[in-house]
Amino acid sequence: MKSKIILTALLSVSLFACAQETPKVKHKKSSASSKSTVKKVKFANAEDPICHMKTEDYMKDTAVYKNKTYGFCSSLCKDEFKKNPEKYAKK
């Protein structure tokens, strides 16, 4: 009997906790002048030197080596490049 009361109390508390409204997140209103624009970058490589995917102007995974910017399809490829850039960089 005692365990039924404890179980009922625990279920009531958990149901009450789940029924609470989740907090609303307030986002800043952005104006047209504050919107960030994607900057196109000319990469030293036409394809990812690790996996050989074609590079795009808007890739966010980049690394600079000998004053040249290299684009990568993922952070994994970028990290691999950084381990030994001489092996992958255009000569």
PDB file of N, CA and C in Angstrom:
ATOM      1  N   MET A   1       0.830  -1.191   0.000  1.00  0.00           N
ATOM      2  CA  MET A   1       0.000   0.000   0.000  1.00  0.00           C
ATOM      3  C   MET A   1       0.876   1.257   0.000  1.00  0.00           C
ATOM      4  N   LYS A   2       1.929   1.211   0.816  1.00  0.00           N
ATOM      5  CA  LYS A   2       2.806   2.349   0.933  1.00  0.00           C
ATOM      6  C   LYS A   2       3.503   2.627  -0.404  1.00  0.00           C
ATOM      7  N   SER A   3       3.876   1.554  -1.125  1.00  0.00           N
ATOM      8  CA  SER A   3       4.554   1.726  -2.406  1.00  0.00           C
ATOM      9  C   SER A   3       3.612   2.313  -3.459  1.00  0.00           C
ATOM     10  N   LYS A   4       2.309   2.000  -3.391  1.00  0.00           N
ATOM     11  CA  LYS A   4       1.326   2.566  -4.326  1.00  0.00           C
ATOM     12  C   LYS A   4       1.200   4.066  -4.120  1.00  0.00           C
ATOM     13  N   ILE A   5       1.238   4.504  -2.872  1.00  0.00           N
ATOM     14  CA  ILE A   5       1.132   5.933  -2.566  1.00  0.00           C
ATOM     15  C   ILE A   5       2.367   6.667  -3.080  1.00  0.00           C
ATOM     16  N   ILE A   6       3.542   6.068  -2.861  1.00  0.00           N
ATOM     17  CA  ILE A   6       4.781   6.692  -3.330  1.00  0.00           C
ATOM     18  C   ILE A   6       4.794   6.743  -4.855  1.00  0.00           C
ATOM     19  N   LEU A   7       4.386   5.660  -5.490  1.00  0.00           N
ATOM     20  CA  LEU A   7       4.337   5.609  -6.957  1.00  0.00           C
ATOM     21  C   LEU A   7       3.361   6.644  -7.496  1.00  0.00           C
ATOM     22  N   THR A   8       2.199   6.767  -6.895  1.00  0.00           N
ATOM     23  CA  THR A   8       1.210   7.763  -7.317  1.00  0.00           C
ATOM     24  C   THR A   8       1.759   9.171  -7.150  1.00  0.00           C
ATOM     25  N   ALA A   9       2.447   9.422  -6.060  1.00  0.00           N
ATOM     26  CA  ALA A   9       3.024  10.746  -5.821  1.00  0.00           C
ATOM     27  C   ALA A   9       4.089  11.063  -6.865  1.00  0.00           C
ATOM     28  N   LEU A  10       4.953  10.102  -7.166  1.00  0.00           N
ATOM     29  CA  LEU A  10       5.991  10.315  -8.179  1.00  0.00           C
ATOM     30  C   LEU A  10       5.398  10.573  -9.562  1.00  0.00           C
ATOM     31  N   LEU A  11       4.381   9.813  -9.915  1.00  0.00           N
ATOM     32  CA  LEU A  11       3.725  10.013 -11.216  1.00  0.00           C
ATOM     33  C   LEU A  11       3.052  11.377 -11.286  1.00  0.00           C
ATOM     34  N   SER A  12       2.439  11.796 -10.183  1.00  0.00           N
ATOM     35  CA  SER A  12       1.785  13.106 -10.160  1.00  0.00           C
ATOM     36  C   SER A  12       2.800  14.223 -10.352  1.00  0.00           C
ATOM     37  N   VAL A  13       3.933  14.116  -9.671  1.00  0.00           N
ATOM     38  CA  VAL A  13       4.965  15.138  -9.776  1.00  0.00           C
ATOM     39  C   VAL A  13       5.522  15.170 -11.196  1.00  0.00           C
ATOM     40  N   SER A  14       5.781  13.996 -11.775  1.00  0.00           N
ATOM     41  CA  SER A  14       6.338  13.967 -13.131  1.00  0.00           C
ATOM     42  C   SER A  14       5.341  14.481 -14.152  1.00  0.00           C
ATOM     43  N   LEU A  15       4.073  14.172 -14.003  1.00  0.00           N
ATOM     44  CA  LEU A  15       3.058  14.694 -14.916  1.00  0.00           C
ATOM     45  C   LEU A  15       2.940  16.203 -14.797  1.00  0.00           C
ATOM     46  N   PHE A  16       3.016  16.708 -13.579  1.00  0.00           N
ATOM     47  CA  PHE A  16       2.943  18.149 -13.371  1.00  0.00           C
ATOM     48  C   PHE A  16       4.141  18.840 -14.019  1.00  0.00           C
ATOM     49  N   ALA A  17       5.319  18.243 -13.884  1.00  0.00           N
ATOM     50  CA  ALA A  17       6.528  18.824 -14.477  1.00  0.00           C
ATOM     51  C   ALA A  17       6.441  18.830 -15.997  1.00  0.00           C
ATOM     52  N   CYS A  18       5.892  17.781 -16.576  1.00  0.00           N
ATOM     53  CA  CYS A  18       5.761  17.703 -18.040  1.00  0.00           C
ATOM     54  C   CYS A  18       4.712  18.666 -18.571  1.00  0.00           C
ATOM     55  N   ALA A  19       3.748  19.000 -17.731  1.00  0.00           N
ATOM     56  CA  ALA A  19       2.667  19.869 -18.176  1.00  0.00           C
ATOM     57  C   ALA A  19       3.057  21.334 -18.194  1.00  0.00           C
ATOM     58  N   GLN A  20       4.207  21.665 -17.611  1.00  0.00           N
ATOM     59  CA  GLN A  20       4.652  23.054 -17.599  1.00  0.00           C
ATOM     60  C   GLN A  20       4.951  23.513 -19.017  1.00  0.00           C
ATOM     61  N   GLU A  21       4.608  24.733 -19.303  1.00  0.00           N
ATOM     62  CA  GLU A  21       4.861  25.293 -20.628  1.00  0.00           C
ATOM     63  C   GLU A  21       6.354  25.532 -20.796  1.00  0.00           C
ATOM     64  N   THR A  22       6.861  25.162 -21.959  1.00  0.00           N
ATOM     65  CA  THR A  22       8.285  25.392 -22.210  1.00  0.00           C
ATOM     66  C   THR A  22       8.517  26.881 -22.405  1.00  0.00           C
ATOM     67  N   PRO A  23       9.653  27.375 -21.936  1.00  0.00           N
ATOM     68  CA  PRO A  23       9.917  28.814 -22.059  1.00  0.00           C
ATOM     69  C   PRO A  23      10.065  29.236 -23.513  1.00  0.00           C
ATOM     70  N   LYS A  24       9.590  30.410 -23.798  1.00  0.00           N
ATOM     71  CA  LYS A  24       9.687  30.974 -25.146  1.00  0.00           C
ATOM     72  C   LYS A  24      11.051  31.632 -25.310  1.00  0.00           C
ATOM     73  N   VAL A  25      11.660  31.411 -26.436  1.00  0.00           N
ATOM     74  CA  VAL A  25      12.947  32.023 -26.722  1.00  0.00           C
ATOM     75  C   VAL A  25      12.693  33.297 -27.507  1.00  0.00           C
ATOM     76  N   LYS A  26      13.269  34.383 -27.034  1.00  0.00           N
ATOM     77  CA  LYS A  26      13.101  35.658 -27.721  1.00  0.00           C
ATOM     78  C   LYS A  26      14.300  35.894 -28.624  1.00  0.00           C
ATOM     79  N   HIS A  27      14.041  36.021 -29.894  1.00  0.00           N
ATOM     80  CA  HIS A  27      15.096  36.290 -30.862  1.00  0.00           C
ATOM     81  C   HIS A  27      15.123  37.774 -31.172  1.00  0.00           C
ATOM     82  N   LYS A  28      16.310  38.260 -31.456  1.00  0.00           N
ATOM     83  CA  LYS A  28      16.418  39.656 -31.852  1.00  0.00           C
ATOM     84  C   LYS A  28      15.782  39.830 -33.217  1.00  0.00           C
ATOM     85  N   LYS A  29      15.062  40.911 -33.363  1.00  0.00           N
ATOM     86  CA  LYS A  29      14.513  41.226 -34.671  1.00  0.00           C
ATOM     87  C   LYS A  29      15.627  41.805 -35.514  1.00  0.00           C
ATOM     88  N   SER A  30      15.768  41.273 -36.712  1.00  0.00           N
ATOM     89  CA  SER A  30      16.849  41.761 -37.570  1.00  0.00           C
ATOM     90  C   SER A  30      16.286  42.706 -38.616  1.00  0.00           C
ATOM     91  N   SER A  31      17.021  43.759 -38.828  1.00  0.00           N
ATOM     92  CA  SER A  31      16.627  44.695 -39.866  1.00  0.00           C
ATOM     93  C   SER A  31      17.386  44.345 -41.133  1.00  0.00           C
ATOM     94  N   ALA A  32      16.995  44.905 -42.231  1.00  0.00           N
ATOM     95  CA  ALA A  32      17.626  44.607 -43.517  1.00  0.00           C
ATOM     96  C   ALA A  32      19.096  44.997 -43.520  1.00  0.00           C
ATOM     97  N   SER A  33      19.453  46.033 -42.797  1.00  0.00           N
ATOM     98  CA  SER A  33      20.844  46.483 -42.789  1.00  0.00           C
ATOM     99  C   SER A  33      21.734  45.611 -41.916  1.00  0.00           C
ATOM    100  N   SER A  34      21.160  44.870 -40.953  1.00  0.00           N
ATOM    101  CA  SER A  34      21.989  44.074 -40.055  1.00  0.00           C
ATOM    102  C   SER A  34      22.133  42.625 -40.506  1.00  0.00           C
ATOM    103  N   LYS A  35      21.485  42.246 -41.597  1.00  0.00           N
ATOM    104  CA  LYS A  35      21.605  40.875 -42.075  1.00  0.00           C
ATOM    105  C   LYS A  35      23.002  40.637 -42.608  1.00  0.00           C
ATOM    106  N   SER A  36      23.565  39.492 -42.219  1.00  0.00           N
ATOM    107  CA  SER A  36      24.902  39.172 -42.709  1.00  0.00           C
ATOM    108  C   SER A  36      24.785  38.550 -44.094  1.00  0.00           C
ATOM    109  N   THR A  37      25.750  38.845 -44.899  1.00  0.00           N
ATOM    110  CA  THR A  37      25.777  38.285 -46.239  1.00  0.00           C
ATOM    111  C   THR A  37      26.926  37.308 -46.343  1.00  0.00           C
ATOM    112  N   VAL A  38      26.735  36.300 -47.161  1.00  0.00           N
ATOM    113  CA  VAL A  38      27.776  35.315 -47.363  1.00  0.00           C
ATOM    114  C   VAL A  38      28.791  35.900 -48.327  1.00  0.00           C
ATOM    115  N   LYS A  39      30.025  35.886 -47.900  1.00  0.00           N
ATOM    116  CA  LYS A  39      31.087  36.447 -48.719  1.00  0.00           C
ATOM    117  C   LYS A  39      31.669  35.339 -49.591  1.00  0.00           C
ATOM    118  N   LYS A  40      31.704  35.583 -50.886  1.00  0.00           N
ATOM    119  CA  LYS A  40      32.279  34.599 -51.789  1.00  0.00           C
ATOM    120  C   LYS A  40      33.791  34.711 -51.740  1.00  0.00           C
ATOM    121  N   VAL A  41      34.435  33.564 -51.696  1.00  0.00           N
ATOM    122  CA  VAL A  41      35.886  33.512 -51.588  1.00  0.00           C
ATOM    123  C   VAL A  41      36.433  32.728 -52.764  1.00  0.00           C
ATOM    124  N   LYS A  42      37.517  33.203 -53.317  1.00  0.00           N
ATOM    125  CA  LYS A  42      38.195  32.479 -54.388  1.00  0.00           C
ATOM    126  C   LYS A  42      39.218  31.569 -53.727  1.00  0.00           C
ATOM    127  N   PHE A  43      39.035  30.265 -53.884  1.00  0.00           N
ATOM    128  CA  PHE A  43      39.929  29.300 -53.260  1.00  0.00           C
ATOM    129  C   PHE A  43      41.088  28.957 -54.182  1.00  0.00           C
ATOM    130  N   ALA A  44      42.189  28.551 -53.581  1.00  0.00           N
ATOM    131  CA  ALA A  44      43.363  28.129 -54.342  1.00  0.00           C
ATOM    132  C   ALA A  44      43.130  26.763 -54.982  1.00  0.00           C
ATOM    133  N   ASN A  45      42.147  26.030 -54.488  1.00  0.00           N
ATOM    134  CA  ASN A  45      41.853  24.697 -55.009  1.00  0.00           C
ATOM    135  C   ASN A  45      40.469  24.635 -55.623  1.00  0.00           C
ATOM    136  N   ALA A  46      40.344  23.953 -56.751  1.00  0.00           N
ATOM    137  CA  ALA A  46      39.043  23.781 -57.411  1.00  0.00           C
ATOM    138  C   ALA A  46      38.281  22.605 -56.818  1.00  0.00           C
ATOM    139  N   GLU A  47      38.992  21.726 -56.137  1.00  0.00           N
ATOM    140  CA  GLU A  47      38.345  20.592 -55.471  1.00  0.00           C
ATOM    141  C   GLU A  47      39.016  20.352 -54.128  1.00  0.00           C
ATOM    142  N   ASP A  48      38.259  19.734 -53.235  1.00  0.00           N
ATOM    143  CA  ASP A  48      38.768  19.397 -51.918  1.00  0.00           C
ATOM    144  C   ASP A  48      39.957  18.449 -52.103  1.00  0.00           C
ATOM    145  N   PRO A  49      41.136  18.802 -51.609  1.00  0.00           N
ATOM    146  CA  PRO A  49      42.308  17.960 -51.848  1.00  0.00           C
ATOM    147  C   PRO A  49      42.278  16.608 -51.124  1.00  0.00           C
ATOM    148  N   ILE A  50      41.372  16.454 -50.179  1.00  0.00           N
ATOM    149  CA  ILE A  50      41.286  15.202 -49.434  1.00  0.00           C
ATOM    150  C   ILE A  50      40.315  14.230 -50.100  1.00  0.00           C
ATOM    151  N   CYS A  51      39.075  14.664 -50.321  1.00  0.00           N
ATOM    152  CA  CYS A  51      38.057  13.756 -50.870  1.00  0.00           C
ATOM    153  C   CYS A  51      37.714  14.051 -52.330  1.00  0.00           C
ATOM    154  N   HIS A  52      38.287  15.116 -52.882  1.00  0.00           N
ATOM    155  CA  HIS A  52      38.146  15.489 -54.292  1.00  0.00           C
ATOM    156  C   HIS A  52      36.751  15.945 -54.693  1.00  0.00           C
ATOM    157  N   MET A  53      35.977  16.470 -53.729  1.00  0.00           N
ATOM    158  CA  MET A  53      34.696  17.105 -54.069  1.00  0.00           C
ATOM    159  C   MET A  53      34.989  18.500 -54.605  1.00  0.00           C
ATOM    160  N   LYS A  54      34.127  18.988 -55.510  1.00  0.00           N
ATOM    161  CA  LYS A  54      34.290  20.323 -56.088  1.00  0.00           C
ATOM    162  C   LYS A  54      34.058  21.371 -54.999  1.00  0.00           C
ATOM    163  N   THR A  55      34.895  22.398 -54.966  1.00  0.00           N
ATOM    164  CA  THR A  55      34.713  23.463 -53.980  1.00  0.00           C
ATOM    165  C   THR A  55      33.677  24.466 -54.481  1.00  0.00           C
ATOM    166  N   GLU A  56      33.004  25.096 -53.541  1.00  0.00           N
ATOM    167  CA  GLU A  56      32.012  26.120 -53.831  1.00  0.00           C
ATOM    168  C   GLU A  56      32.496  27.429 -53.231  1.00  0.00           C
ATOM    169  N   ASP A  57      32.000  28.539 -53.738  1.00  0.00           N
ATOM    170  CA  ASP A  57      32.427  29.861 -53.271  1.00  0.00           C
ATOM    171  C   ASP A  57      32.049  30.155 -51.818  1.00  0.00           C
ATOM    172  N   TYR A  58      31.081  29.436 -51.282  1.00  0.00           N
ATOM    173  CA  TYR A  58      30.546  29.765 -49.964  1.00  0.00           C
ATOM    174  C   TYR A  58      30.920  28.742 -48.883  1.00  0.00           C
ATOM    175  N   MET A  59      31.911  27.901 -49.130  1.00  0.00           N
ATOM    176  CA  MET A  59      32.280  26.881 -48.150  1.00  0.00           C
ATOM    177  C   MET A  59      32.785  27.537 -46.871  1.00  0.00           C
ATOM    178  N   LYS A  60      32.340  27.011 -45.731  1.00  0.00           N
ATOM    179  CA  LYS A  60      32.734  27.606 -44.459  1.00  0.00           C
ATOM    180  C   LYS A  60      33.980  26.957 -43.874  1.00  0.00           C
ATOM    181  N   ASP A  61      34.306  25.746 -44.312  1.00  0.00           N
ATOM    182  CA  ASP A  61      35.504  25.084 -43.816  1.00  0.00           C
ATOM    183  C   ASP A  61      36.679  25.459 -44.705  1.00  0.00           C
ATOM    184  N   THR A  62      37.529  26.328 -44.188  1.00  0.00           N
ATOM    185  CA  THR A  62      38.662  26.821 -44.959  1.00  0.00           C
ATOM    186  C   THR A  62      39.922  26.780 -44.112  1.00  0.00           C
ATOM    187  N   ALA A  63      41.052  26.771 -44.801  1.00  0.00           N
ATOM    188  CA  ALA A  63      42.344  26.855 -44.129  1.00  0.00           C
ATOM    189  C   ALA A  63      43.265  27.693 -45.002  1.00  0.00           C
ATOM    190  N   VAL A  64      44.108  28.471 -44.365  1.00  0.00           N
ATOM    191  CA  VAL A  64      45.062  29.295 -45.095  1.00  0.00           C
ATOM    192  C   VAL A  64      46.433  28.650 -44.947  1.00  0.00           C
ATOM    193  N   TYR A  65      47.086  28.447 -46.081  1.00  0.00           N
ATOM    194  CA  TYR A  65      48.426  27.879 -46.101  1.00  0.00           C
ATOM    195  C   TYR A  65      49.243  28.643 -47.128  1.00  0.00           C
ATOM    196  N   LYS A  66      50.357  29.193 -46.711  1.00  0.00           N
ATOM    197  CA  LYS A  66      51.238  29.997 -47.560  1.00  0.00           C
ATOM    198  C   LYS A  66      50.455  31.100 -48.289  1.00  0.00           C
ATOM    199  N   ASN A  67      49.660  31.830 -47.518  1.00  0.00           N
ATOM    200  CA  ASN A  67      48.854  32.964 -47.996  1.00  0.00           C
ATOM    201  C   ASN A  67      47.821  32.581 -49.049  1.00  0.00           C
ATOM    202  N   LYS A  68      47.447  31.324 -49.138  1.00  0.00           N
ATOM    203  CA  LYS A  68      46.390  30.872 -50.049  1.00  0.00           C
ATOM    204  C   LYS A  68      45.297  30.229 -49.214  1.00  0.00           C
ATOM    205  N   THR A  69      44.048  30.509 -49.601  1.00  0.00           N
ATOM    206  CA  THR A  69      42.905  29.952 -48.888  1.00  0.00           C
ATOM    207  C   THR A  69      42.423  28.707 -49.602  1.00  0.00           C
ATOM    208  N   TYR A  70      42.303  27.630 -48.856  1.00  0.00           N
ATOM    209  CA  TYR A  70      41.835  26.360 -49.386  1.00  0.00           C
ATOM    210  C   TYR A  70      40.460  26.060 -48.803  1.00  0.00           C
ATOM    211  N   GLY A  71      39.534  25.585 -49.653  1.00  0.00           N
ATOM    212  CA  GLY A  71      38.182  25.254 -49.223  1.00  0.00           C
ATOM    213  C   GLY A  71      38.013  23.755 -49.082  1.00  0.00           C
ATOM    214  N   PHE A  72      37.171  23.362 -48.120  1.00  0.00           N
ATOM    215  CA  PHE A  72      36.945  21.947 -47.834  1.00  0.00           C
ATOM    216  C   PHE A  72      35.470  21.671 -47.662  1.00  0.00           C
ATOM    217  N   CYS A  73      35.063  20.441 -47.992  1.00  0.00           N
ATOM    218  CA  CYS A  73      33.653  20.072 -47.887  1.00  0.00           C
ATOM    219  C   CYS A  73      33.221  19.863 -46.441  1.00  0.00           C
ATOM    220  N   SER A  74      34.176  19.562 -45.551  1.00  0.00           N
ATOM    221  CA  SER A  74      33.836  19.316 -44.147  1.00  0.00           C
ATOM    222  C   SER A  74      35.027  19.639 -43.252  1.00  0.00           C
ATOM    223  N   SER A  75      34.745  19.706 -41.969  1.00  0.00           N
ATOM    224  CA  SER A  75      35.825  19.962 -41.015  1.00  0.00           C
ATOM    225  C   SER A  75      36.770  18.775 -40.928  1.00  0.00           C
ATOM    226  N   LEU A  76      36.276  17.579 -41.228  1.00  0.00           N
ATOM    227  CA  LEU A  76      37.149  16.400 -41.220  1.00  0.00           C
ATOM    228  C   LEU A  76      38.226  16.516 -42.289  1.00  0.00           C
ATOM    229  N   CYS A  77      37.830  16.931 -43.489  1.00  0.00           N
ATOM    230  CA  CYS A  77      38.803  17.109 -44.565  1.00  0.00           C
ATOM    231  C   CYS A  77      39.770  18.242 -44.225  1.00  0.00           C
ATOM    232  N   LYS A  78      39.252  19.315 -43.652  1.00  0.00           N
ATOM    233  CA  LYS A  78      40.106  20.443 -43.268  1.00  0.00           C
ATOM    234  C   LYS A  78      41.131  20.005 -42.230  1.00  0.00           C
ATOM    235  N   ASP A  79      40.699  19.231 -41.237  1.00  0.00           N
ATOM    236  CA  ASP A  79      41.611  18.761 -40.195  1.00  0.00           C
ATOM    237  C   ASP A  79      42.686  17.848 -40.773  1.00  0.00           C
ATOM    238  N   GLU A  80      42.311  17.015 -41.727  1.00  0.00           N
ATOM    239  CA  GLU A  80      43.282  16.132 -42.373  1.00  0.00           C
ATOM    240  C   GLU A  80      44.320  16.956 -43.143  1.00  0.00           C
ATOM    241  N   PHE A  81      43.866  17.992 -43.824  1.00  0.00           N
ATOM    242  CA  PHE A  81      44.761  18.891 -44.565  1.00  0.00           C
ATOM    243  C   PHE A  81      45.751  19.559 -43.610  1.00  0.00           C
ATOM    244  N   LYS A  82      45.250  20.006 -42.471  1.00  0.00           N
ATOM    245  CA  LYS A  82      46.091  20.720 -41.511  1.00  0.00           C
ATOM    246  C   LYS A  82      47.182  19.835 -40.922  1.00  0.00           C
ATOM    247  N   LYS A  83      46.971  18.514 -40.898  1.00  0.00           N
ATOM    248  CA  LYS A  83      47.981  17.607 -40.376  1.00  0.00           C
ATOM    249  C   LYS A  83      49.241  17.611 -41.242  1.00  0.00           C
ATOM    250  N   ASN A  84      49.050  17.740 -42.567  1.00  0.00           N
ATOM    251  CA  ASN A  84      50.183  17.701 -43.493  1.00  0.00           C
ATOM    252  C   ASN A  84      49.858  18.521 -44.748  1.00  0.00           C
ATOM    253  N   PRO A  85      49.827  19.855 -44.644  1.00  0.00           N
ATOM    254  CA  PRO A  85      49.401  20.682 -45.771  1.00  0.00           C
ATOM    255  C   PRO A  85      50.325  20.576 -46.990  1.00  0.00           C
ATOM    256  N   GLU A  86      51.604  20.324 -46.775  1.00  0.00           N
ATOM    257  CA  GLU A  86      52.530  20.218 -47.902  1.00  0.00           C
ATOM    258  C   GLU A  86      52.119  19.073 -48.842  1.00  0.00           C
ATOM    259  N   LYS A  87      51.573  18.035 -48.278  1.00  0.00           N
ATOM    260  CA  LYS A  87      51.172  16.857 -49.065  1.00  0.00           C
ATOM    261  C   LYS A  87      50.011  17.189 -50.008  1.00  0.00           C
ATOM    262  N   TYR A  88      49.114  18.071 -49.581  1.00  0.00           N
ATOM    263  CA  TYR A  88      47.881  18.334 -50.328  1.00  0.00           C
ATOM    264  C   TYR A  88      47.844  19.651 -51.080  1.00  0.00           C
ATOM    265  N   ALA A  89      48.664  20.607 -50.692  1.00  0.00           N
ATOM    266  CA  ALA A  89      48.627  21.949 -51.302  1.00  0.00           C
ATOM    267  C   ALA A  89      49.149  21.908 -52.727  1.00  0.00           C
ATOM    268  N   LYS A  90      48.555  22.773 -53.574  1.00  0.00           N
ATOM    269  CA  LYS A  90      49.042  22.910 -54.949  1.00  0.00           C
ATOM    270  C   LYS A  90      50.473  23.418 -54.917  1.00  0.00           C
ATOM    271  N   LYS A  91      51.268  22.926 -55.796  1.00  0.00           N
ATOM    272  CA  LYS A  91      52.660  23.378 -55.835  1.00  0.00           C
ATOM    273  C   LYS A  91      52.864  24.315 -56.998  1.00  0.00           C
TER     274      LYS A  91
END
